[in-house]
């Protein structure tokens, strides 16, 4: 039986100092893998370095965003399995084999960072909050919502390409989309290296708000009641509190209490309707084709850690 092919997709923006070494190591460790670098409008020769190292380069005319680069990679990759990793040297190419061990048993395997691997304490605390929120949405313990190092079946990734944003939050959308669709995800702890150059391009405030909006949007898309029900319950609690206060102080039922109770019912009914629409969409959904099982030879590489 023919073995499934693997494509390594690397979005890169001004990573000339590290991209050549990363591509060379991947080519050395996994000579049969397709290596794709999406140059997202770099101005420092990133594309030339990647091409010289043996990667297939797809350039963007200007900087569109990390998510846009991933979408370009998904569209052009020819592998049955896609591996996404950063081009700044934080991810170890040897860990690609670690993630591939879990496919095709799982639909996606993600390299999870520890708290000490976060760029700053603020980023660590922020990711903890979003991991908890996303876990509530997905009904699954999410260890690292924003990790950019993952292996996923190509057929699965293509299902959600239209949902992926052009910015840095594509891992959030892809993770929640996969989990809320009833597909499987495996988290595996990996070691993250310090960036070879520069600093993270993610803004804590700007991208933090964006992550929250994306989680909420994906939640309403795949499981609307997870959003509508808490809001409806909040309106009920406020209405009840307002009624008790007005009854004790004024001895009557006020218009504000009535408005809050009506709002509670309206939001709840909107959630039910949205849930039914979501269910009908799933009934017409085409499931991804199966991926052949990877043999150990497909990702075997020398034990470079011992050299």
Protein backbone atom coordinates (compact mmCIF):
# COMPACT_ATOMS: atom_id res chain seq x y z
CA UNK A 1 0.00 0.00 0.00
CA UNK A 2 1.30 3.42 -0.94
CA UNK A 3 2.40 5.51 2.04
CA UNK A 4 0.74 8.90 2.60
CA UNK A 5 2.82 11.92 1.75
CA UNK A 6 3.69 14.71 4.17
CA UNK A 7 3.97 18.42 3.42
CA UNK A 8 5.68 20.78 5.87
CA UNK A 9 4.20 24.29 5.60
CA UNK A 10 6.23 27.18 7.03
CA UNK A 11 4.85 30.74 6.99
CA UNK A 12 7.70 33.26 7.14
CA UNK A 13 7.97 37.03 7.36
CA UNK A 14 11.49 38.49 7.51
CA UNK A 15 13.05 35.26 8.82
CA UNK A 16 16.13 35.21 6.56
CA UNK A 17 18.49 34.49 9.47
CA UNK A 18 16.74 31.26 10.43
CA UNK A 19 14.68 29.93 7.52
CA UNK A 20 17.59 28.45 5.57
CA UNK A 21 18.80 26.34 8.49
CA UNK A 22 15.26 25.15 9.29
CA UNK A 23 14.58 24.04 5.71
CA UNK A 24 17.97 22.34 5.45
CA UNK A 25 17.38 20.36 8.66
CA UNK A 26 13.93 19.26 7.51
CA UNK A 27 15.30 18.20 4.13
CA UNK A 28 18.07 16.26 5.88
CA UNK A 29 15.84 14.54 8.45
CA UNK A 30 12.89 13.86 6.13
CA UNK A 31 14.12 13.74 2.51
CA UNK A 32 10.77 12.47 1.23
CA UNK A 33 8.73 15.30 2.73
CA UNK A 34 7.54 18.27 0.69
CA UNK A 35 8.77 21.54 2.25
CA UNK A 36 6.76 24.67 1.45
CA UNK A 37 7.71 28.17 2.60
CA UNK A 38 5.22 30.98 2.18
CA UNK A 39 7.11 34.26 2.06
CA UNK A 40 4.58 36.75 3.41
CA UNK A 41 6.00 39.89 1.84
CA UNK A 42 9.47 39.71 3.42
CA UNK A 43 12.02 42.40 2.62
CA UNK A 44 15.17 40.67 3.91
CA UNK A 45 15.71 37.86 1.40
CA UNK A 46 13.69 35.19 3.19
CA UNK A 47 12.42 33.73 -0.09
CA UNK A 48 15.92 33.42 -1.56
CA UNK A 49 17.27 31.71 1.57
CA UNK A 50 14.38 29.22 1.62
CA UNK A 51 14.72 28.48 -2.09
CA UNK A 52 18.48 27.92 -1.80
CA UNK A 53 17.89 25.47 1.06
CA UNK A 54 15.56 23.37 -1.10
CA UNK A 55 12.06 24.57 -0.22
CA UNK A 56 9.25 25.32 -2.63
CA UNK A 57 8.52 29.01 -2.10
CA UNK A 58 5.20 30.75 -2.62
CA UNK A 59 5.62 34.53 -2.21
CA UNK A 60 2.99 37.06 -1.21
CA UNK A 61 3.42 40.48 -2.85
CA UNK A 62 3.10 42.16 0.54
CA UNK A 63 2.58 41.21 4.18
CA UNK A 64 -0.96 39.84 4.49
CA UNK A 65 -0.71 37.85 7.69
CA UNK A 66 0.31 34.55 9.22
CA UNK A 67 -3.11 33.02 8.66
CA UNK A 68 -3.14 34.06 5.02
CA UNK A 69 0.24 32.36 4.57
CA UNK A 70 -1.13 29.17 6.11
CA UNK A 71 -4.10 29.25 3.74
CA UNK A 72 -1.75 29.62 0.78
CA UNK A 73 0.19 26.61 2.06
CA UNK A 74 -2.94 24.50 2.49
CA UNK A 75 -4.08 25.30 -1.05
CA UNK A 76 -0.75 24.41 -2.64
CA UNK A 77 0.44 21.48 -0.48
CA UNK A 78 0.27 18.07 -2.10
CA UNK A 79 0.67 15.90 0.99
CA UNK A 80 -1.97 13.77 2.69
CA UNK A 81 -0.74 15.16 6.03
CA UNK A 82 0.22 18.79 6.64
CA UNK A 83 2.71 19.90 9.27
CA UNK A 84 2.61 23.59 10.25
CA UNK A 85 5.59 25.15 12.00
CA UNK A 86 7.05 28.63 12.49
CA UNK A 87 10.02 29.94 10.56
CA UNK A 88 11.74 31.69 13.47
CA UNK A 89 13.60 28.70 14.87
CA UNK A 90 11.38 28.08 17.89
CA UNK A 91 10.20 24.69 16.69
CA UNK A 92 12.59 21.76 16.41
CA UNK A 93 12.27 19.86 13.09
CA UNK A 94 13.04 16.63 14.94
CA UNK A 95 9.73 17.01 16.79
CA UNK A 96 7.84 16.59 13.51
CA UNK A 97 8.29 12.83 13.93
CA UNK A 98 6.85 13.12 17.45
CA UNK A 99 3.60 14.60 16.11
CA UNK A 100 3.36 12.21 13.17
CA UNK A 101 3.30 9.24 15.55
CA UNK A 102 -0.27 10.19 16.49
CA UNK A 103 -1.65 10.26 12.92
CA UNK A 104 -3.89 8.87 11.53
CA UNK A 105 -5.28 7.67 14.88
CA UNK A 106 -5.97 11.35 15.63
CA UNK A 107 -7.10 13.93 13.11
CA UNK A 108 -4.67 16.53 14.44
CA UNK A 109 -1.66 16.49 16.76
CA UNK A 110 -0.45 19.71 18.40
CA UNK A 111 2.87 20.54 20.03
CA UNK A 112 1.98 22.05 23.41
CA UNK A 113 4.20 24.59 25.15
CA UNK A 114 4.73 24.77 28.90
CA UNK A 115 4.29 28.00 30.88
CA UNK A 116 8.03 28.57 30.99
CA UNK A 117 8.16 28.46 27.19
CA UNK A 118 5.89 31.49 26.87
CA UNK A 119 7.45 34.75 25.69
CA UNK A 120 6.40 36.63 28.83
CA UNK A 121 4.39 36.25 32.03
CA UNK A 122 1.57 38.32 30.52
CA UNK A 123 1.43 36.05 27.49
CA UNK A 124 1.45 32.98 29.73
CA UNK A 125 -1.45 34.25 31.86
CA UNK A 126 -3.39 35.34 28.78
CA UNK A 127 -2.98 31.94 27.14
CA UNK A 128 -4.13 30.23 30.34
CA UNK A 129 -7.34 32.27 30.30
CA UNK A 130 -8.00 31.54 26.63
CA UNK A 131 -7.20 27.85 27.08
CA UNK A 132 -9.84 27.66 29.82
CA UNK A 133 -12.42 29.57 27.78
CA UNK A 134 -11.75 27.48 24.68
CA UNK A 135 -11.96 24.28 26.75
CA UNK A 136 -15.45 25.34 27.86
CA UNK A 137 -16.44 26.02 24.26
CA UNK A 138 -15.03 22.78 22.88
CA UNK A 139 -15.85 20.55 25.89
CA UNK A 140 -12.28 19.31 25.66
CA UNK A 141 -9.17 20.13 27.74
CA UNK A 142 -7.16 22.40 25.44
CA UNK A 143 -3.53 22.62 26.56
CA UNK A 144 -2.22 25.18 24.07
CA UNK A 145 -4.78 27.03 21.98
CA UNK A 146 -2.33 29.20 20.03
CA UNK A 147 0.48 26.75 19.25
CA UNK A 148 1.60 27.09 15.64
CA UNK A 149 3.29 23.68 15.58
CA UNK A 150 0.85 20.97 14.54
CA UNK A 151 0.26 18.06 12.17
CA UNK A 152 -3.19 17.65 10.64
CA UNK A 153 -4.79 15.57 7.93
CA UNK A 154 -4.93 17.64 4.75
CA UNK A 155 -8.58 16.75 4.13
CA UNK A 156 -9.44 18.09 7.59
CA UNK A 157 -7.47 21.32 7.19
CA UNK A 158 -9.18 22.05 3.88
CA UNK A 159 -12.61 21.78 5.51
CA UNK A 160 -11.88 24.86 7.61
CA UNK A 161 -9.78 26.95 5.24
CA UNK A 162 -12.70 29.32 4.60
CA UNK A 163 -12.93 30.01 8.36
CA UNK A 164 -9.26 30.79 8.94
CA UNK A 165 -8.47 34.48 9.49
CA UNK A 166 -5.56 36.19 7.75
CA UNK A 167 -3.85 37.05 11.03
CA UNK A 168 -2.09 35.22 13.86
CA UNK A 169 -5.12 33.46 15.26
CA UNK A 170 -5.44 30.66 12.71
CA UNK A 171 -4.47 28.00 15.35
CA UNK A 172 -7.43 29.10 17.48
CA UNK A 173 -9.90 28.76 14.63
CA UNK A 174 -8.51 25.46 13.39
CA UNK A 175 -8.43 23.91 16.87
CA UNK A 176 -11.99 24.87 17.77
CA UNK A 177 -13.29 23.95 14.33
CA UNK A 178 -11.76 20.47 14.54
CA UNK A 179 -12.97 19.82 18.09
CA UNK A 180 -16.49 21.16 17.62
CA UNK A 181 -16.84 19.04 14.46
CA UNK A 182 -16.35 15.88 16.52
CA UNK A 183 -12.84 15.23 15.23
CA UNK A 184 -9.95 14.21 17.46
CA UNK A 185 -6.96 16.22 18.73
CA UNK A 186 -3.87 15.04 20.57
CA UNK A 187 -1.61 17.39 22.57
CA UNK A 188 2.01 16.42 23.07
CA UNK A 189 4.44 18.42 25.19
CA UNK A 190 7.41 19.75 23.22
CA UNK A 191 10.34 22.03 23.96
CA UNK A 192 10.35 25.50 22.44
CA UNK A 193 13.59 27.28 21.61
CA UNK A 194 14.13 31.00 21.89
CA UNK A 195 13.65 32.99 18.73
CA UNK A 196 16.75 33.22 16.55
CA UNK A 197 16.14 36.90 15.91
CA UNK A 198 13.77 39.78 16.50
CA UNK A 199 10.73 39.60 18.73
CA UNK A 200 7.22 38.24 18.61
CA UNK A 201 4.91 40.13 16.25
CA UNK A 202 1.83 39.31 18.34
CA UNK A 203 0.26 42.20 20.29
CA UNK A 204 -1.11 41.14 23.67
CA UNK A 205 -3.97 43.66 23.63
CA UNK A 206 -4.86 43.76 19.93
CA UNK A 207 -4.49 40.05 19.25
CA UNK A 208 -5.90 39.15 22.66
CA UNK A 209 -9.19 40.85 21.79
CA UNK A 210 -9.07 39.18 18.37
CA UNK A 211 -8.58 35.74 19.97
CA UNK A 212 -11.61 36.33 22.22
CA UNK A 213 -13.77 37.36 19.26
CA UNK A 214 -12.65 34.35 17.23
CA UNK A 215 -13.43 31.94 20.08
CA UNK A 216 -16.88 33.47 20.43
CA UNK A 217 -17.48 33.41 16.67
CA UNK A 218 -16.42 29.78 16.31
CA UNK A 219 -18.52 28.87 19.33
CA UNK A 220 -21.65 30.43 17.82
CA UNK A 221 -20.88 28.71 14.52
CA UNK A 222 -20.48 25.19 15.91
CA UNK A 223 -22.36 25.23 19.24
CA UNK A 224 -24.54 28.36 19.58
CA UNK A 225 -26.17 27.42 22.89
CA UNK A 226 -22.74 27.52 24.57
CA UNK A 227 -22.94 31.31 24.06
CA UNK A 228 -26.68 32.03 24.03
CA UNK A 229 -27.54 30.00 27.13
CA UNK A 230 -25.17 31.78 29.56
CA UNK A 231 -26.27 35.19 28.24
CA UNK A 232 -29.92 34.18 28.56
CA UNK A 233 -29.31 32.97 32.12
CA UNK A 234 -27.57 36.26 32.96
CA UNK A 235 -30.63 38.21 31.75
CA UNK A 236 -32.86 36.00 33.90
CA UNK A 237 -30.70 36.56 36.99
CA UNK A 238 -30.67 40.33 36.39
CA UNK A 239 -34.43 40.35 35.87
CA UNK A 240 -35.01 38.35 39.03
CA UNK A 241 -32.68 40.57 41.04
CA UNK A 242 -34.40 43.67 39.70
CA UNK A 243 -37.83 42.23 40.53
CA UNK A 244 -36.85 41.36 44.11
CA UNK A 245 -35.36 44.82 44.62
CA UNK A 246 -38.38 46.64 43.19
CA UNK A 247 -40.84 44.44 45.11
CA UNK A 248 -39.06 45.06 48.41
CA UNK A 249 -38.57 48.81 47.88
CA UNK A 250 -41.67 49.69 45.84
CA UNK A 251 -44.01 46.74 46.21
CA UNK A 252 -44.49 46.31 42.48
CA UNK A 253 -43.26 44.61 39.29
CA UNK A 254 -41.45 47.16 37.13
CA UNK A 255 -41.11 47.50 33.36
CA UNK A 256 -37.33 46.93 33.61
CA UNK A 257 -37.91 43.52 35.20
CA UNK A 258 -40.34 42.63 32.43
CA UNK A 259 -37.85 43.76 29.78
CA UNK A 260 -35.07 41.63 31.26
CA UNK A 261 -37.29 38.54 31.47
CA UNK A 262 -38.48 39.00 27.88
CA UNK A 263 -34.87 39.47 26.73
CA UNK A 264 -33.96 36.25 28.51
CA UNK A 265 -36.65 34.32 26.59
CA UNK A 266 -35.77 35.92 23.23
CA UNK A 267 -32.07 35.12 23.56
CA UNK A 268 -32.84 31.56 24.60
CA UNK A 269 -35.14 31.04 21.60
CA UNK A 270 -32.53 32.53 19.27
CA UNK A 271 -30.05 30.03 20.65
CA UNK A 272 -32.44 27.13 19.98
CA UNK A 273 -33.02 28.26 16.40
CA UNK A 274 -29.27 28.67 15.83
CA UNK A 275 -28.65 25.21 17.27
CA UNK A 276 -31.17 23.70 14.83
CA UNK A 277 -29.55 25.48 11.88
CA UNK A 278 -26.15 24.16 12.97
CA UNK A 279 -27.54 20.62 13.23
CA UNK A 280 -29.02 20.79 9.72
CA UNK A 281 -25.68 22.01 8.38
CA UNK A 282 -23.94 18.99 9.93
CA UNK A 283 -26.44 16.59 8.38
CA UNK A 284 -25.41 17.80 4.90
CA UNK A 285 -21.71 17.79 5.74
CA UNK A 286 -19.26 15.71 3.73
CA UNK A 287 -16.80 13.91 5.96
CA UNK A 288 -13.12 13.86 5.07
CA UNK A 289 -11.67 10.83 3.37
CA UNK A 290 -9.55 8.43 5.38
CA UNK A 291 -5.78 8.82 5.51
CA UNK A 292 -3.63 5.74 5.15
CA UNK A 293 -1.70 4.72 8.24
CA UNK A 294 1.85 6.01 8.47
CA UNK A 295 4.49 3.35 8.96
CA UNK A 296 7.49 4.00 11.15
CA UNK A 297 9.67 4.24 8.04
CA UNK A 298 7.70 7.25 6.82
CA UNK A 299 9.09 9.50 9.50
CA UNK A 300 12.19 7.66 10.65
CA UNK A 301 15.23 9.93 11.12
CA UNK A 302 18.64 9.68 12.78
CA UNK A 303 18.72 10.39 16.50
CA UNK A 304 20.31 13.80 16.11
CA UNK A 305 19.86 14.57 19.80
CA UNK A 306 22.53 11.98 20.62
CA UNK A 307 25.03 13.24 18.09
